[in-house]
Amino acid sequence: MKTVLGHSLILLLAATMAGCSGLPHPYRDTCARELDAAWRELDIAKARGFAGTVSYAKALGLITTARTMQTVENFDGCYKNANKARFYIVESLEGR
């Protein structure tokens, strides 16, 4: 009896996990767009002064974190970090 119940539970869990894998992920597209824009902006950014360099480093760290979150499908966190990185890129361009 325990074996049948155990197998049934495992099959139910496997079916649930397989069914969840196809669900749409909110923020997936916005994460990708925001992250791509941040990489492009960082690529052309030239930091001004020490404060600009600090902002540039913060942006780079946030972009790296966002890319990691995208990889593990934490799209909400990816979007937020990429968006924050774009803020710091603007700050670095303005020398703040």
PDB file of N, CA and C in Angstrom:
ATOM      1  N   MET A   1       0.826  -1.189   0.000  1.00  0.00           N
ATOM      2  CA  MET A   1       0.000   0.000   0.000  1.00  0.00           C
ATOM      3  C   MET A   1       0.869   1.251   0.000  1.00  0.00           C
ATOM      4  N   LYS A   2       1.911   1.262   0.859  1.00  0.00           N
ATOM      5  CA  LYS A   2       2.789   2.424   0.940  1.00  0.00           C
ATOM      6  C   LYS A   2       3.509   2.657  -0.390  1.00  0.00           C
ATOM      7  N   THR A   3       3.870   1.593  -1.073  1.00  0.00           N
ATOM      8  CA  THR A   3       4.581   1.721  -2.330  1.00  0.00           C
ATOM      9  C   THR A   3       3.695   2.355  -3.398  1.00  0.00           C
ATOM     10  N   VAL A   4       2.453   1.945  -3.470  1.00  0.00           N
ATOM     11  CA  VAL A   4       1.528   2.505  -4.452  1.00  0.00           C
ATOM     12  C   VAL A   4       1.302   3.978  -4.172  1.00  0.00           C
ATOM     13  N   LEU A   5       1.126   4.335  -2.900  1.00  0.00           N
ATOM     14  CA  LEU A   5       0.932   5.728  -2.514  1.00  0.00           C
ATOM     15  C   LEU A   5       2.184   6.549  -2.827  1.00  0.00           C
ATOM     16  N   GLY A   6       3.348   5.986  -2.555  1.00  0.00           N
ATOM     17  CA  GLY A   6       4.603   6.672  -2.841  1.00  0.00           C
ATOM     18  C   GLY A   6       4.804   6.911  -4.324  1.00  0.00           C
ATOM     19  N   HIS A   7       4.504   5.899  -5.142  1.00  0.00           N
ATOM     20  CA  HIS A   7       4.627   6.044  -6.600  1.00  0.00           C
ATOM     21  C   HIS A   7       3.626   7.065  -7.135  1.00  0.00           C
ATOM     22  N   SER A   8       2.429   7.035  -6.586  1.00  0.00           N
ATOM     23  CA  SER A   8       1.411   7.992  -7.025  1.00  0.00           C
ATOM     24  C   SER A   8       1.839   9.421  -6.705  1.00  0.00           C
ATOM     25  N   LEU A   9       2.392   9.609  -5.531  1.00  0.00           N
ATOM     26  CA  LEU A   9       2.854  10.925  -5.117  1.00  0.00           C
ATOM     27  C   LEU A   9       3.990  11.414  -6.011  1.00  0.00           C
ATOM     28  N   ILE A  10       4.904  10.537  -6.349  1.00  0.00           N
ATOM     29  CA  ILE A  10       6.021  10.900  -7.220  1.00  0.00           C
ATOM     30  C   ILE A  10       5.515  11.249  -8.617  1.00  0.00           C
ATOM     31  N   LEU A  11       4.582  10.472  -9.144  1.00  0.00           N
ATOM     32  CA  LEU A  11       4.025  10.761 -10.463  1.00  0.00           C
ATOM     33  C   LEU A  11       3.281  12.093 -10.473  1.00  0.00           C
ATOM     34  N   LEU A  12       2.536  12.374  -9.412  1.00  0.00           N
ATOM     35  CA  LEU A  12       1.813  13.637  -9.309  1.00  0.00           C
ATOM     36  C   LEU A  12       2.786  14.812  -9.265  1.00  0.00           C
ATOM     37  N   LEU A  13       3.842  14.680  -8.490  1.00  0.00           N
ATOM     38  CA  LEU A  13       4.852  15.729  -8.382  1.00  0.00           C
ATOM     39  C   LEU A  13       5.553  15.946  -9.724  1.00  0.00           C
ATOM     40  N   ALA A  14       5.892  14.874 -10.415  1.00  0.00           N
ATOM     41  CA  ALA A  14       6.554  14.992 -11.718  1.00  0.00           C
ATOM     42  C   ALA A  14       5.639  15.650 -12.742  1.00  0.00           C
ATOM     43  N   ALA A  15       4.363  15.294 -12.731  1.00  0.00           N
ATOM     44  CA  ALA A  15       3.415  15.898 -13.667  1.00  0.00           C
ATOM     45  C   ALA A  15       3.233  17.377 -13.382  1.00  0.00           C
ATOM     46  N   THR A  16       3.200  17.741 -12.108  1.00  0.00           N
ATOM     47  CA  THR A  16       3.059  19.149 -11.730  1.00  0.00           C
ATOM     48  C   THR A  16       4.268  19.952 -12.185  1.00  0.00           C
ATOM     49  N   MET A  17       5.448  19.421 -11.962  1.00  0.00           N
ATOM     50  CA  MET A  17       6.665  20.125 -12.368  1.00  0.00           C
ATOM     51  C   MET A  17       6.748  20.240 -13.884  1.00  0.00           C
ATOM     52  N   ALA A  18       6.377  19.208 -14.598  1.00  0.00           N
ATOM     53  CA  ALA A  18       6.412  19.260 -16.060  1.00  0.00           C
ATOM     54  C   ALA A  18       5.390  20.263 -16.581  1.00  0.00           C
ATOM     55  N   GLY A  19       4.250  20.349 -15.943  1.00  0.00           N
ATOM     56  CA  GLY A  19       3.222  21.294 -16.359  1.00  0.00           C
ATOM     57  C   GLY A  19       3.624  22.730 -16.101  1.00  0.00           C
ATOM     58  N   CYS A  20       4.378  22.961 -15.052  1.00  0.00           N
ATOM     59  CA  CYS A  20       4.794  24.330 -14.714  1.00  0.00           C
ATOM     60  C   CYS A  20       5.896  24.844 -15.624  1.00  0.00           C
ATOM     61  N   SER A  21       6.619  23.947 -16.244  1.00  0.00           N
ATOM     62  CA  SER A  21       7.746  24.395 -17.060  1.00  0.00           C
ATOM     63  C   SER A  21       7.308  25.177 -18.293  1.00  0.00           C
ATOM     64  N   GLY A  22       6.087  24.995 -18.739  1.00  0.00           N
ATOM     65  CA  GLY A  22       5.618  25.689 -19.926  1.00  0.00           C
ATOM     66  C   GLY A  22       4.854  26.964 -19.637  1.00  0.00           C
ATOM     67  N   LEU A  23       4.738  27.341 -18.373  1.00  0.00           N
ATOM     68  CA  LEU A  23       3.991  28.538 -18.023  1.00  0.00           C
ATOM     69  C   LEU A  23       4.729  29.784 -18.492  1.00  0.00           C
ATOM     70  N   PRO A  24       4.003  30.807 -18.910  1.00  0.00           N
ATOM     71  CA  PRO A  24       4.679  32.047 -19.303  1.00  0.00           C
ATOM     72  C   PRO A  24       5.327  32.709 -18.089  1.00  0.00           C
ATOM     73  N   HIS A  25       6.452  33.321 -18.318  1.00  0.00           N
ATOM     74  CA  HIS A  25       7.181  33.980 -17.241  1.00  0.00           C
ATOM     75  C   HIS A  25       7.024  35.488 -17.385  1.00  0.00           C
ATOM     76  N   PRO A  26       6.357  36.111 -16.408  1.00  0.00           N
ATOM     77  CA  PRO A  26       6.280  37.569 -16.485  1.00  0.00           C
ATOM     78  C   PRO A  26       7.690  38.155 -16.379  1.00  0.00           C
ATOM     79  N   TYR A  27       7.909  39.228 -17.028  1.00  0.00           N
ATOM     80  CA  TYR A  27       9.194  39.939 -17.048  1.00  0.00           C
ATOM     81  C   TYR A  27      10.245  39.288 -17.936  1.00  0.00           C
ATOM     82  N   ARG A  28       9.979  38.145 -18.557  1.00  0.00           N
ATOM     83  CA  ARG A  28      11.006  37.494 -19.387  1.00  0.00           C
ATOM     84  C   ARG A  28      11.466  38.433 -20.500  1.00  0.00           C
ATOM     85  N   ASP A  29      10.521  38.983 -21.248  1.00  0.00           N
ATOM     86  CA  ASP A  29      10.871  39.866 -22.369  1.00  0.00           C
ATOM     87  C   ASP A  29      11.430  41.198 -21.892  1.00  0.00           C
ATOM     88  N   THR A  30      10.826  41.769 -20.849  1.00  0.00           N
ATOM     89  CA  THR A  30      11.320  43.058 -20.364  1.00  0.00           C
ATOM     90  C   THR A  30      12.704  42.915 -19.751  1.00  0.00           C
ATOM     91  N   CYS A  31      12.967  41.789 -19.115  1.00  0.00           N
ATOM     92  CA  CYS A  31      14.303  41.520 -18.574  1.00  0.00           C
ATOM     93  C   CYS A  31      15.321  41.513 -19.709  1.00  0.00           C
ATOM     94  N   ALA A  32      15.019  40.777 -20.763  1.00  0.00           N
ATOM     95  CA  ALA A  32      15.960  40.673 -21.891  1.00  0.00           C
ATOM     96  C   ALA A  32      16.191  42.033 -22.545  1.00  0.00           C
ATOM     97  N   ARG A  33      15.115  42.782 -22.769  1.00  0.00           N
ATOM     98  CA  ARG A  33      15.267  44.102 -23.403  1.00  0.00           C
ATOM     99  C   ARG A  33      16.061  45.058 -22.526  1.00  0.00           C
ATOM    100  N   GLU A  34      15.741  45.105 -21.247  1.00  0.00           N
ATOM    101  CA  GLU A  34      16.412  46.021 -20.326  1.00  0.00           C
ATOM    102  C   GLU A  34      17.889  45.653 -20.189  1.00  0.00           C
ATOM    103  N   LEU A  35      18.169  44.369 -20.117  1.00  0.00           N
ATOM    104  CA  LEU A  35      19.549  43.906 -19.980  1.00  0.00           C
ATOM    105  C   LEU A  35      20.362  44.202 -21.235  1.00  0.00           C
ATOM    106  N   ASP A  36      19.777  43.975 -22.397  1.00  0.00           N
ATOM    107  CA  ASP A  36      20.471  44.295 -23.649  1.00  0.00           C
ATOM    108  C   ASP A  36      20.752  45.788 -23.759  1.00  0.00           C
ATOM    109  N   ALA A  37      19.779  46.607 -23.382  1.00  0.00           N
ATOM    110  CA  ALA A  37      19.970  48.066 -23.434  1.00  0.00           C
ATOM    111  C   ALA A  37      21.068  48.494 -22.465  1.00  0.00           C
ATOM    112  N   ALA A  38      21.078  47.905 -21.268  1.00  0.00           N
ATOM    113  CA  ALA A  38      22.106  48.262 -20.285  1.00  0.00           C
ATOM    114  C   ALA A  38      23.498  47.890 -20.787  1.00  0.00           C
ATOM    115  N   TRP A  39      23.641  46.717 -21.408  1.00  0.00           N
ATOM    116  CA  TRP A  39      24.942  46.312 -21.948  1.00  0.00           C
ATOM    117  C   TRP A  39      25.403  47.264 -23.040  1.00  0.00           C
ATOM    118  N   ARG A  40      24.479  47.639 -23.937  1.00  0.00           N
ATOM    119  CA  ARG A  40      24.846  48.577 -25.016  1.00  0.00           C
ATOM    120  C   ARG A  40      25.283  49.919 -24.439  1.00  0.00           C
ATOM    121  N   GLU A  41      24.514  50.426 -23.469  1.00  0.00           N
ATOM    122  CA  GLU A  41      24.835  51.725 -22.869  1.00  0.00           C
ATOM    123  C   GLU A  41      26.152  51.670 -22.106  1.00  0.00           C
ATOM    124  N   LEU A  42      26.391  50.570 -21.411  1.00  0.00           N
ATOM    125  CA  LEU A  42      27.641  50.440 -20.658  1.00  0.00           C
ATOM    126  C   LEU A  42      28.819  50.347 -21.613  1.00  0.00           C
ATOM    127  N   ASP A  43      28.619  49.699 -22.725  1.00  0.00           N
ATOM    128  CA  ASP A  43      29.680  49.536 -23.719  1.00  0.00           C
ATOM    129  C   ASP A  43      30.148  50.877 -24.269  1.00  0.00           C
ATOM    130  N   ILE A  44      29.229  51.826 -24.445  1.00  0.00           N
ATOM    131  CA  ILE A  44      29.611  53.117 -25.012  1.00  0.00           C
ATOM    132  C   ILE A  44      29.858  54.188 -23.947  1.00  0.00           C
ATOM    133  N   ALA A  45      29.582  53.853 -22.691  1.00  0.00           N
ATOM    134  CA  ALA A  45      29.736  54.845 -21.617  1.00  0.00           C
ATOM    135  C   ALA A  45      31.213  55.114 -21.334  1.00  0.00           C
ATOM    136  N   LYS A  46      31.490  56.354 -21.056  1.00  0.00           N
ATOM    137  CA  LYS A  46      32.822  56.748 -20.611  1.00  0.00           C
ATOM    138  C   LYS A  46      32.634  57.465 -19.283  1.00  0.00           C
ATOM    139  N   ALA A  47      33.148  56.853 -18.247  1.00  0.00           N
ATOM    140  CA  ALA A  47      32.980  57.420 -16.912  1.00  0.00           C
ATOM    141  C   ALA A  47      33.791  58.705 -16.785  1.00  0.00           C
ATOM    142  N   ARG A  48      33.245  59.656 -16.060  1.00  0.00           N
ATOM    143  CA  ARG A  48      33.920  60.929 -15.843  1.00  0.00           C
ATOM    144  C   ARG A  48      34.284  61.072 -14.378  1.00  0.00           C
ATOM    145  N   GLY A  49      35.562  61.195 -14.123  1.00  0.00           N
ATOM    146  CA  GLY A  49      36.035  61.410 -12.757  1.00  0.00           C
ATOM    147  C   GLY A  49      35.871  60.174 -11.885  1.00  0.00           C
ATOM    148  N   PHE A  50      36.287  60.318 -10.625  1.00  0.00           N
ATOM    149  CA  PHE A  50      36.224  59.205  -9.684  1.00  0.00           C
ATOM    150  C   PHE A  50      34.781  58.793  -9.416  1.00  0.00           C
ATOM    151  N   ALA A  51      33.895  59.752  -9.206  1.00  0.00           N
ATOM    152  CA  ALA A  51      32.497  59.444  -8.920  1.00  0.00           C
ATOM    153  C   ALA A  51      31.874  58.701 -10.099  1.00  0.00           C
ATOM    154  N   GLY A  52      32.216  59.110 -11.300  1.00  0.00           N
ATOM    155  CA  GLY A  52      31.713  58.421 -12.486  1.00  0.00           C
ATOM    156  C   GLY A  52      32.208  56.994 -12.571  1.00  0.00           C
ATOM    157  N   THR A  53      33.455  56.777 -12.154  1.00  0.00           N
ATOM    158  CA  THR A  53      34.019  55.435 -12.159  1.00  0.00           C
ATOM    159  C   THR A  53      33.304  54.542 -11.152  1.00  0.00           C
ATOM    160  N   VAL A  54      32.971  55.097  -9.991  1.00  0.00           N
ATOM    161  CA  VAL A  54      32.237  54.335  -8.978  1.00  0.00           C
ATOM    162  C   VAL A  54      30.856  53.941  -9.512  1.00  0.00           C
ATOM    163  N   SER A  55      30.167  54.874 -10.147  1.00  0.00           N
ATOM    164  CA  SER A  55      28.852  54.565 -10.726  1.00  0.00           C
ATOM    165  C   SER A  55      28.970  53.529 -11.831  1.00  0.00           C
ATOM    166  N   TYR A  56      30.017  53.621 -12.637  1.00  0.00           N
ATOM    167  CA  TYR A  56      30.256  52.653 -13.713  1.00  0.00           C
ATOM    168  C   TYR A  56      30.451  51.253 -13.118  1.00  0.00           C
ATOM    169  N   ALA A  57      31.233  51.159 -12.039  1.00  0.00           N
ATOM    170  CA  ALA A  57      31.474  49.872 -11.382  1.00  0.00           C
ATOM    171  C   ALA A  57      30.179  49.304 -10.788  1.00  0.00           C
ATOM    172  N   LYS A  58      29.354  50.176 -10.209  1.00  0.00           N
ATOM    173  CA  LYS A  58      28.064  49.729  -9.678  1.00  0.00           C
ATOM    174  C   LYS A  58      27.190  49.184 -10.801  1.00  0.00           C
ATOM    175  N   ALA A  59      27.172  49.884 -11.925  1.00  0.00           N
ATOM    176  CA  ALA A  59      26.372  49.450 -13.068  1.00  0.00           C
ATOM    177  C   ALA A  59      26.845  48.087 -13.569  1.00  0.00           C
ATOM    178  N   LEU A  60      28.148  47.915 -13.669  1.00  0.00           N
ATOM    179  CA  LEU A  60      28.695  46.646 -14.137  1.00  0.00           C
ATOM    180  C   LEU A  60      28.306  45.509 -13.198  1.00  0.00           C
ATOM    181  N   GLY A  61      28.387  45.753 -11.891  1.00  0.00           N
ATOM    182  CA  GLY A  61      27.986  44.737 -10.915  1.00  0.00           C
ATOM    183  C   GLY A  61      26.511  44.383 -11.021  1.00  0.00           C
ATOM    184  N   LEU A  62      25.681  45.404 -11.205  1.00  0.00           N
ATOM    185  CA  LEU A  62      24.241  45.163 -11.340  1.00  0.00           C
ATOM    186  C   LEU A  62      23.903  44.402 -12.614  1.00  0.00           C
ATOM    187  N   ILE A  63      24.614  44.711 -13.693  1.00  0.00           N
ATOM    188  CA  ILE A  63      24.379  43.997 -14.951  1.00  0.00           C
ATOM    189  C   ILE A  63      24.784  42.531 -14.810  1.00  0.00           C
ATOM    190  N   THR A  64      25.890  42.297 -14.144  1.00  0.00           N
ATOM    191  CA  THR A  64      26.333  40.924 -13.918  1.00  0.00           C
ATOM    192  C   THR A  64      25.313  40.157 -13.085  1.00  0.00           C
ATOM    193  N   THR A  65      24.795  40.800 -12.050  1.00  0.00           N
ATOM    194  CA  THR A  65      23.765  40.175 -11.217  1.00  0.00           C
ATOM    195  C   THR A  65      22.500  39.918 -12.029  1.00  0.00           C
ATOM    196  N   ALA A  66      22.110  40.884 -12.854  1.00  0.00           N
ATOM    197  CA  ALA A  66      20.918  40.722 -13.686  1.00  0.00           C
ATOM    198  C   ALA A  66      21.077  39.558 -14.652  1.00  0.00           C
ATOM    199  N   ARG A  67      22.252  39.420 -15.252  1.00  0.00           N
ATOM    200  CA  ARG A  67      22.494  38.320 -16.196  1.00  0.00           C
ATOM    201  C   ARG A  67      22.389  36.972 -15.465  1.00  0.00           C
ATOM    202  N   THR A  68      22.912  36.909 -14.248  1.00  0.00           N
ATOM    203  CA  THR A  68      22.810  35.678 -13.463  1.00  0.00           C
ATOM    204  C   THR A  68      21.349  35.374 -13.150  1.00  0.00           C
ATOM    205  N   MET A  69      20.586  36.393 -12.773  1.00  0.00           N
ATOM    206  CA  MET A  69      19.170  36.189 -12.474  1.00  0.00           C
ATOM    207  C   MET A  69      18.401  35.748 -13.716  1.00  0.00           C
ATOM    208  N   GLN A  70      18.784  36.262 -14.870  1.00  0.00           N
ATOM    209  CA  GLN A  70      18.140  35.847 -16.108  1.00  0.00           C
ATOM    210  C   GLN A  70      18.412  34.370 -16.358  1.00  0.00           C
ATOM    211  N   THR A  71      19.624  33.935 -16.082  1.00  0.00           N
ATOM    212  CA  THR A  71      20.002  32.544 -16.289  1.00  0.00           C
ATOM    213  C   THR A  71      19.192  31.597 -15.418  1.00  0.00           C
ATOM    214  N   VAL A  72      18.927  31.998 -14.171  1.00  0.00           N
ATOM    215  CA  VAL A  72      18.152  31.148 -13.265  1.00  0.00           C
ATOM    216  C   VAL A  72      16.661  31.462 -13.323  1.00  0.00           C
ATOM    217  N   GLU A  73      16.259  32.217 -14.329  1.00  0.00           N
ATOM    218  CA  GLU A  73      14.867  32.556 -14.613  1.00  0.00           C
ATOM    219  C   GLU A  73      14.187  33.348 -13.496  1.00  0.00           C
ATOM    220  N   ASN A  74      14.937  34.227 -12.850  1.00  0.00           N
ATOM    221  CA  ASN A  74      14.369  35.186 -11.902  1.00  0.00           C
ATOM    222  C   ASN A  74      14.235  36.498 -12.687  1.00  0.00           C
ATOM    223  N   PHE A  75      13.235  36.551 -13.552  1.00  0.00           N
ATOM    224  CA  PHE A  75      13.119  37.652 -14.502  1.00  0.00           C
ATOM    225  C   PHE A  75      12.751  38.976 -13.835  1.00  0.00           C
ATOM    226  N   ASP A  76      12.004  38.920 -12.758  1.00  0.00           N
ATOM    227  CA  ASP A  76      11.643  40.142 -12.034  1.00  0.00           C
ATOM    228  C   ASP A  76      12.904  40.795 -11.463  1.00  0.00           C
ATOM    229  N   GLY A  77      13.741  40.011 -10.797  1.00  0.00           N
ATOM    230  CA  GLY A  77      14.987  40.527 -10.247  1.00  0.00           C
ATOM    231  C   GLY A  77      15.944  40.985 -11.338  1.00  0.00           C
ATOM    232  N   CYS A  78      15.965  40.262 -12.447  1.00  0.00           N
ATOM    233  CA  CYS A  78      16.799  40.642 -13.589  1.00  0.00           C
ATOM    234  C   CYS A  78      16.407  42.022 -14.085  1.00  0.00           C
ATOM    235  N   TYR A  79      15.121  42.220 -14.297  1.00  0.00           N
ATOM    236  CA  TYR A  79      14.623  43.509 -14.790  1.00  0.00           C
ATOM    237  C   TYR A  79      14.984  44.643 -13.827  1.00  0.00           C
ATOM    238  N   LYS A  80      14.757  44.427 -12.540  1.00  0.00           N
ATOM    239  CA  LYS A  80      15.025  45.476 -11.546  1.00  0.00           C
ATOM    240  C   LYS A  80      16.506  45.839 -11.509  1.00  0.00           C
ATOM    241  N   ASN A  81      17.388  44.836 -11.561  1.00  0.00           N
ATOM    242  CA  ASN A  81      18.823  45.115 -11.524  1.00  0.00           C
ATOM    243  C   ASN A  81      19.304  45.776 -12.811  1.00  0.00           C
ATOM    244  N   ALA A  82      18.800  45.344 -13.948  1.00  0.00           N
ATOM    245  CA  ALA A  82      19.196  45.962 -15.215  1.00  0.00           C
ATOM    246  C   ALA A  82      18.717  47.408 -15.277  1.00  0.00           C
ATOM    247  N   ASN A  83      17.512  47.653 -14.784  1.00  0.00           N
ATOM    248  CA  ASN A  83      16.972  49.010 -14.761  1.00  0.00           C
ATOM    249  C   ASN A  83      17.814  49.905 -13.856  1.00  0.00           C
ATOM    250  N   LYS A  84      18.190  49.389 -12.695  1.00  0.00           N
ATOM    251  CA  LYS A  84      19.027  50.151 -11.759  1.00  0.00           C
ATOM    252  C   LYS A  84      20.409  50.395 -12.372  1.00  0.00           C
ATOM    253  N   ALA A  85      20.919  49.420 -13.119  1.00  0.00           N
ATOM    254  CA  ALA A  85      22.216  49.579 -13.780  1.00  0.00           C
ATOM    255  C   ALA A  85      22.166  50.724 -14.783  1.00  0.00           C
ATOM    256  N   ARG A  86      21.070  50.832 -15.506  1.00  0.00           N
ATOM    257  CA  ARG A  86      20.936  51.924 -16.483  1.00  0.00           C
ATOM    258  C   ARG A  86      20.951  53.281 -15.783  1.00  0.00           C
ATOM    259  N   PHE A  87      20.389  53.356 -14.592  1.00  0.00           N
ATOM    260  CA  PHE A  87      20.440  54.593 -13.812  1.00  0.00           C
ATOM    261  C   PHE A  87      21.896  54.947 -13.502  1.00  0.00           C
ATOM    262  N   TYR A  88      22.671  53.959 -13.041  1.00  0.00           N
ATOM    263  CA  TYR A  88      24.067  54.220 -12.694  1.00  0.00           C
ATOM    264  C   TYR A  88      24.920  54.527 -13.928  1.00  0.00           C
ATOM    265  N   ILE A  89      24.550  54.006 -15.074  1.00  0.00           N
ATOM    266  CA  ILE A  89      25.272  54.340 -16.302  1.00  0.00           C
ATOM    267  C   ILE A  89      25.096  55.821 -16.622  1.00  0.00           C
ATOM    268  N   VAL A  90      23.881  56.318 -16.485  1.00  0.00           N
ATOM    269  CA  VAL A  90      23.631  57.758 -16.693  1.00  0.00           C
ATOM    270  C   VAL A  90      24.413  58.576 -15.676  1.00  0.00           C
ATOM    271  N   GLU A  91      24.423  58.116 -14.429  1.00  0.00           N
ATOM    272  CA  GLU A  91      25.181  58.816 -13.390  1.00  0.00           C
ATOM    273  C   GLU A  91      26.672  58.851 -13.727  1.00  0.00           C
ATOM    274  N   SER A  92      27.199  57.753 -14.254  1.00  0.00           N
ATOM    275  CA  SER A  92      28.637  57.722 -14.574  1.00  0.00           C
ATOM    276  C   SER A  92      28.951  58.668 -15.732  1.00  0.00           C
ATOM    277  N   LEU A  93      28.039  58.772 -16.690  1.00  0.00           N
ATOM    278  CA  LEU A  93      28.252  59.692 -17.807  1.00  0.00           C
ATOM    279  C   LEU A  93      28.243  61.144 -17.352  1.00  0.00           C
ATOM    280  N   GLU A  94      27.500  61.419 -16.290  1.00  0.00           N
ATOM    281  CA  GLU A  94      27.420  62.776 -15.769  1.00  0.00           C
ATOM    282  C   GLU A  94      28.464  63.048 -14.677  1.00  0.00           C
ATOM    283  N   GLY A  95      29.301  62.054 -14.398  1.00  0.00           N
ATOM    284  CA  GLY A  95      30.360  62.248 -13.421  1.00  0.00           C
ATOM    285  C   GLY A  95      29.891  62.231 -11.976  1.00  0.00           C
ATOM    286  N   ARG A  96      28.784  61.545 -11.741  1.00  0.00           N
ATOM    287  CA  ARG A  96      28.282  61.455 -10.356  1.00  0.00           C
ATOM    288  C   ARG A  96      28.397  60.045  -9.837  1.00  0.00           C
TER     289      ARG A  96
END
